[in-house]
Amino acid sequence: MPTSENAKTIEKMYWAHVRAMSPAEKIRRASNLNASIYAMVEMQIREKRPEIDKRALKFAVARRFYWNEPKVLQMLDAAEKSEKENCNG
């Protein structure tokens, strides 16, 4: 079991490594992390709702990312409703 001292040493090493990265490397890693998280959320939704189409999946992923932002959720609801009306009408 790691000790508190070991955890502090590991954290110091981690931040030293991050500080040593170039700005471009930091951006690349952040972008890769974001893409990985998006793919993971997409996969979780597809597992629960295998019938979901691409359009609905994008809205579902956005809702998962912004679940605690009521104004964003309202905008997503309005956008999805508008898109459905345009596709059906």
Foldseek 3Di string as FASTA:
>chain_A
DDDPVNVVVVVVVVVVVVVPDDPVVVVVVVVVVVVVVLVVLLVVVCVVPVPDDPVVSVLVSVCVVPVPPVVVNVVSVVVVVVVVVVVVD
